[in-house]
N, C-alpha and C. Protein backbone atom coordinates (compact mmCIF):
# COMPACT_ATOMS: atom_id res chain seq x y z
N MET A 1 0.84 -1.17 0.00
CA MET A 1 0.00 0.00 0.00
C MET A 1 0.89 1.24 0.00
N PHE A 2 0.55 2.20 -0.83
CA PHE A 2 1.25 3.47 -0.92
C PHE A 2 0.38 4.55 -0.30
N ASN A 3 0.96 5.39 0.55
CA ASN A 3 0.21 6.45 1.22
C ASN A 3 0.95 7.77 1.13
N LYS A 4 0.16 8.84 1.01
CA LYS A 4 0.74 10.17 0.96
C LYS A 4 -0.28 11.16 1.50
N THR A 5 0.17 12.10 2.31
CA THR A 5 -0.69 13.19 2.78
C THR A 5 -0.35 14.43 1.95
N VAL A 6 -1.40 15.06 1.43
CA VAL A 6 -1.23 16.21 0.54
C VAL A 6 -2.05 17.38 1.06
N GLN A 7 -1.47 18.58 1.00
CA GLN A 7 -2.23 19.79 1.32
C GLN A 7 -2.86 20.28 0.02
N LEU A 8 -4.16 20.56 0.08
CA LEU A 8 -4.91 20.97 -1.10
C LEU A 8 -4.91 22.48 -1.27
N ILE A 9 -5.49 22.92 -2.38
CA ILE A 9 -5.52 24.35 -2.69
C ILE A 9 -6.31 25.16 -1.67
N ASP A 10 -7.23 24.52 -0.95
CA ASP A 10 -8.00 25.23 0.08
C ASP A 10 -7.37 25.08 1.47
N SER A 11 -6.14 24.62 1.53
CA SER A 11 -5.34 24.42 2.76
C SER A 11 -5.76 23.22 3.60
N SER A 12 -6.79 22.49 3.19
CA SER A 12 -7.14 21.26 3.91
C SER A 12 -6.17 20.16 3.49
N LYS A 13 -6.20 19.05 4.22
CA LYS A 13 -5.31 17.94 3.91
C LYS A 13 -6.12 16.71 3.52
N VAL A 14 -5.50 15.86 2.69
CA VAL A 14 -6.12 14.61 2.27
C VAL A 14 -5.05 13.52 2.32
N VAL A 15 -5.46 12.34 2.76
CA VAL A 15 -4.57 11.17 2.73
C VAL A 15 -4.97 10.36 1.51
N ILE A 16 -4.01 10.13 0.64
CA ILE A 16 -4.23 9.35 -0.58
C ILE A 16 -3.57 7.99 -0.39
N SER A 17 -4.34 6.92 -0.60
CA SER A 17 -3.84 5.55 -0.47
C SER A 17 -4.08 4.82 -1.77
N ILE A 18 -3.04 4.11 -2.23
CA ILE A 18 -3.14 3.32 -3.47
C ILE A 18 -2.79 1.88 -3.11
N ASN A 19 -3.64 0.94 -3.55
CA ASN A 19 -3.34 -0.47 -3.24
C ASN A 19 -2.11 -0.93 -4.03
N ASP A 20 -1.54 -2.05 -3.63
CA ASP A 20 -0.28 -2.53 -4.21
C ASP A 20 -0.37 -2.79 -5.71
N GLU A 21 -1.55 -3.14 -6.20
CA GLU A 21 -1.73 -3.42 -7.63
C GLU A 21 -1.92 -2.14 -8.44
N GLY A 22 -2.19 -1.03 -7.76
CA GLY A 22 -2.39 0.25 -8.45
C GLY A 22 -3.77 0.40 -9.05
N GLU A 23 -4.70 -0.45 -8.66
CA GLU A 23 -6.02 -0.42 -9.29
C GLU A 23 -7.09 0.27 -8.46
N GLU A 24 -6.75 0.72 -7.26
CA GLU A 24 -7.71 1.47 -6.46
C GLU A 24 -7.00 2.57 -5.70
N ILE A 25 -7.54 3.77 -5.81
CA ILE A 25 -7.04 4.92 -5.08
C ILE A 25 -8.16 5.38 -4.15
N LEU A 26 -7.84 5.55 -2.89
CA LEU A 26 -8.78 6.05 -1.90
C LEU A 26 -8.24 7.36 -1.36
N ALA A 27 -9.09 8.37 -1.33
CA ALA A 27 -8.72 9.66 -0.77
C ALA A 27 -9.65 9.97 0.38
N VAL A 28 -9.08 10.33 1.53
CA VAL A 28 -9.87 10.69 2.71
C VAL A 28 -9.42 12.07 3.17
N THR A 29 -10.36 13.00 3.22
CA THR A 29 -10.04 14.35 3.65
C THR A 29 -9.95 14.43 5.17
N ASP A 30 -9.38 15.53 5.65
CA ASP A 30 -9.25 15.70 7.09
C ASP A 30 -10.60 15.85 7.79
N ASP A 31 -11.67 16.12 7.03
CA ASP A 31 -13.01 16.16 7.63
C ASP A 31 -13.77 14.85 7.42
N GLY A 32 -13.07 13.78 6.98
CA GLY A 32 -13.64 12.44 6.89
C GLY A 32 -14.37 12.10 5.60
N LYS A 33 -14.43 13.00 4.63
CA LYS A 33 -15.08 12.69 3.36
C LYS A 33 -14.17 11.83 2.51
N LYS A 34 -14.78 10.91 1.74
CA LYS A 34 -14.01 9.95 0.95
C LYS A 34 -14.33 10.05 -0.53
N GLY A 35 -13.33 9.67 -1.33
CA GLY A 35 -13.49 9.56 -2.76
C GLY A 35 -12.63 8.41 -3.26
N THR A 36 -12.98 7.86 -4.42
CA THR A 36 -12.22 6.74 -4.98
C THR A 36 -11.99 6.93 -6.47
N ILE A 37 -10.90 6.31 -6.92
CA ILE A 37 -10.61 6.18 -8.35
C ILE A 37 -10.33 4.70 -8.57
N THR A 38 -10.95 4.15 -9.61
CA THR A 38 -10.72 2.75 -9.98
C THR A 38 -10.03 2.71 -11.33
N LEU A 39 -8.98 1.88 -11.42
CA LEU A 39 -8.24 1.71 -12.66
C LEU A 39 -8.09 0.22 -12.94
N ASN A 40 -7.95 -0.14 -14.19
CA ASN A 40 -7.63 -1.51 -14.59
C ASN A 40 -6.27 -1.52 -15.27
N PHE A 41 -5.43 -2.46 -14.89
CA PHE A 41 -4.10 -2.57 -15.49
C PHE A 41 -4.18 -3.44 -16.73
N ASP A 42 -3.66 -2.96 -17.85
CA ASP A 42 -3.58 -3.72 -19.09
C ASP A 42 -2.14 -4.19 -19.24
N SER A 43 -1.90 -5.47 -18.92
CA SER A 43 -0.54 -6.00 -18.91
C SER A 43 0.05 -6.15 -20.32
N GLU A 44 -0.80 -6.30 -21.33
CA GLU A 44 -0.30 -6.42 -22.70
C GLU A 44 0.27 -5.09 -23.21
N SER A 45 -0.39 -4.00 -22.86
CA SER A 45 0.04 -2.69 -23.34
C SER A 45 0.78 -1.88 -22.28
N ASP A 46 0.81 -2.39 -21.05
CA ASP A 46 1.56 -1.76 -19.96
C ASP A 46 1.05 -0.35 -19.64
N TYR A 47 -0.24 -0.23 -19.38
CA TYR A 47 -0.82 1.04 -18.94
C TYR A 47 -2.00 0.76 -18.01
N PHE A 48 -2.43 1.79 -17.30
CA PHE A 48 -3.64 1.73 -16.48
C PHE A 48 -4.77 2.45 -17.20
N HIS A 49 -5.96 1.87 -17.14
CA HIS A 49 -7.15 2.46 -17.74
C HIS A 49 -8.04 2.96 -16.61
N LEU A 50 -8.28 4.27 -16.56
CA LEU A 50 -9.15 4.85 -15.55
C LEU A 50 -10.59 4.50 -15.89
N THR A 51 -11.26 3.79 -14.97
CA THR A 51 -12.62 3.33 -15.24
C THR A 51 -13.69 4.00 -14.39
N ASP A 52 -13.32 4.54 -13.22
CA ASP A 52 -14.32 5.18 -12.37
C ASP A 52 -13.66 6.25 -11.51
N LEU A 53 -14.30 7.37 -11.44
CA LEU A 53 -13.83 8.49 -10.64
C LEU A 53 -15.00 8.95 -9.79
N SER A 54 -14.95 8.70 -8.50
CA SER A 54 -16.07 9.00 -7.61
C SER A 54 -15.64 9.93 -6.49
N PHE A 55 -15.77 11.22 -6.75
CA PHE A 55 -15.46 12.23 -5.76
C PHE A 55 -16.67 13.14 -5.55
N GLU A 56 -17.85 12.58 -5.51
CA GLU A 56 -19.08 13.36 -5.46
C GLU A 56 -19.13 14.36 -4.31
N ASN A 57 -18.66 13.98 -3.13
CA ASN A 57 -18.75 14.87 -1.97
C ASN A 57 -17.56 15.79 -1.80
N ILE A 58 -16.55 15.62 -2.63
CA ILE A 58 -15.32 16.40 -2.44
C ILE A 58 -14.76 16.92 -3.76
N LYS A 59 -15.65 17.46 -4.59
CA LYS A 59 -15.24 17.98 -5.89
C LYS A 59 -14.57 19.35 -5.77
N HIS A 60 -13.81 19.68 -6.83
CA HIS A 60 -13.24 21.01 -7.03
C HIS A 60 -12.26 21.43 -5.93
N ARG A 61 -11.51 20.43 -5.43
CA ARG A 61 -10.51 20.74 -4.40
C ARG A 61 -9.13 20.27 -4.82
N GLY A 62 -9.00 19.69 -6.01
CA GLY A 62 -7.71 19.24 -6.51
C GLY A 62 -7.34 17.82 -6.10
N ILE A 63 -8.27 17.08 -5.50
CA ILE A 63 -7.96 15.74 -4.99
C ILE A 63 -7.73 14.75 -6.14
N GLY A 64 -8.54 14.80 -7.17
CA GLY A 64 -8.36 13.89 -8.30
C GLY A 64 -7.01 14.08 -8.96
N LYS A 65 -6.65 15.32 -9.19
CA LYS A 65 -5.35 15.63 -9.81
C LYS A 65 -4.20 15.14 -8.94
N GLU A 66 -4.26 15.41 -7.64
CA GLU A 66 -3.20 14.96 -6.74
C GLU A 66 -3.13 13.43 -6.68
N SER A 67 -4.28 12.77 -6.74
CA SER A 67 -4.32 11.31 -6.70
C SER A 67 -3.66 10.69 -7.93
N ILE A 68 -3.96 11.25 -9.10
CA ILE A 68 -3.36 10.74 -10.34
C ILE A 68 -1.86 11.03 -10.36
N LYS A 69 -1.45 12.21 -9.91
CA LYS A 69 -0.01 12.52 -9.85
C LYS A 69 0.72 11.53 -8.94
N PHE A 70 0.13 11.22 -7.79
CA PHE A 70 0.75 10.28 -6.86
C PHE A 70 0.82 8.89 -7.47
N HIS A 71 -0.22 8.47 -8.18
CA HIS A 71 -0.21 7.16 -8.85
C HIS A 71 0.93 7.09 -9.86
N LYS A 72 1.09 8.15 -10.64
CA LYS A 72 2.17 8.17 -11.64
C LYS A 72 3.54 8.14 -10.97
N GLU A 73 3.68 8.80 -9.80
CA GLU A 73 4.94 8.74 -9.04
C GLU A 73 5.24 7.31 -8.60
N CYS A 74 4.22 6.59 -8.19
CA CYS A 74 4.40 5.24 -7.65
C CYS A 74 4.64 4.19 -8.73
N PHE A 75 3.94 4.30 -9.86
CA PHE A 75 3.98 3.24 -10.87
C PHE A 75 4.68 3.63 -12.16
N ASP A 76 4.83 4.90 -12.43
CA ASP A 76 5.52 5.40 -13.62
C ASP A 76 5.04 4.74 -14.91
N LEU A 77 3.71 4.60 -15.04
CA LEU A 77 3.10 4.05 -16.25
C LEU A 77 2.00 5.00 -16.73
N PRO A 78 1.72 5.00 -18.03
CA PRO A 78 0.65 5.86 -18.53
C PRO A 78 -0.70 5.47 -17.93
N ILE A 79 -1.55 6.47 -17.80
CA ILE A 79 -2.94 6.27 -17.40
C ILE A 79 -3.78 6.82 -18.53
N ILE A 80 -4.69 6.01 -19.04
CA ILE A 80 -5.55 6.46 -20.13
C ILE A 80 -6.99 6.50 -19.63
N ALA A 81 -7.77 7.30 -20.31
CA ALA A 81 -9.20 7.38 -20.05
C ALA A 81 -9.90 7.37 -21.39
N THR A 82 -11.09 6.84 -21.41
CA THR A 82 -11.88 6.82 -22.64
C THR A 82 -13.22 7.48 -22.36
N PRO A 83 -13.79 8.10 -23.36
CA PRO A 83 -15.12 8.70 -23.17
C PRO A 83 -16.13 7.59 -22.85
N ASN A 84 -17.14 7.94 -22.12
CA ASN A 84 -18.17 6.97 -21.76
C ASN A 84 -19.29 7.00 -22.81
N ASP A 85 -18.90 6.95 -24.09
CA ASP A 85 -19.90 7.03 -25.17
C ASP A 85 -19.79 5.87 -26.15
N GLY A 86 -19.07 4.83 -25.78
CA GLY A 86 -18.96 3.65 -26.64
C GLY A 86 -17.87 3.76 -27.70
N GLN A 87 -17.23 4.91 -27.84
CA GLN A 87 -16.18 5.08 -28.82
C GLN A 87 -14.91 4.39 -28.34
N LYS A 88 -14.06 4.01 -29.27
CA LYS A 88 -12.83 3.30 -28.95
C LYS A 88 -11.62 4.22 -28.81
N GLU A 89 -11.81 5.52 -28.97
CA GLU A 89 -10.69 6.45 -28.84
C GLU A 89 -10.12 6.38 -27.44
N MET A 90 -8.82 6.53 -27.36
CA MET A 90 -8.17 6.58 -26.05
C MET A 90 -7.37 7.86 -25.96
N MET A 91 -7.27 8.36 -24.75
CA MET A 91 -6.42 9.53 -24.55
C MET A 91 -5.65 9.32 -23.26
N GLU A 92 -4.43 9.76 -23.25
CA GLU A 92 -3.60 9.62 -22.05
C GLU A 92 -3.90 10.75 -21.09
N VAL A 93 -3.99 10.40 -19.83
CA VAL A 93 -4.15 11.41 -18.80
C VAL A 93 -2.77 11.99 -18.55
N ILE A 94 -2.63 13.27 -18.77
CA ILE A 94 -1.32 13.91 -18.60
C ILE A 94 -1.45 14.99 -17.53
N LEU A 95 -0.62 14.89 -16.52
CA LEU A 95 -0.59 15.91 -15.47
C LEU A 95 0.82 16.39 -15.29
């Protein structure tokens, strides 16, 4: 498990935890609110595919960006996301 405490743009703090496989990110704010990011690892292409981003109660505070940056620090692999419209286009998440 990888853990990091980050100070956000509003001066609050969040603890970001990533499981050993890199497929789940949990963020918990200092006021106890939680958010998650789910990724799937593609071993053939050597990248992570972002499949779910759930920060409903803690939006617009920079937590998603900090979580993805921390994931890239830990695993040093591309993270891609695809539109949720059935299209096959892929785009790399770049931070």
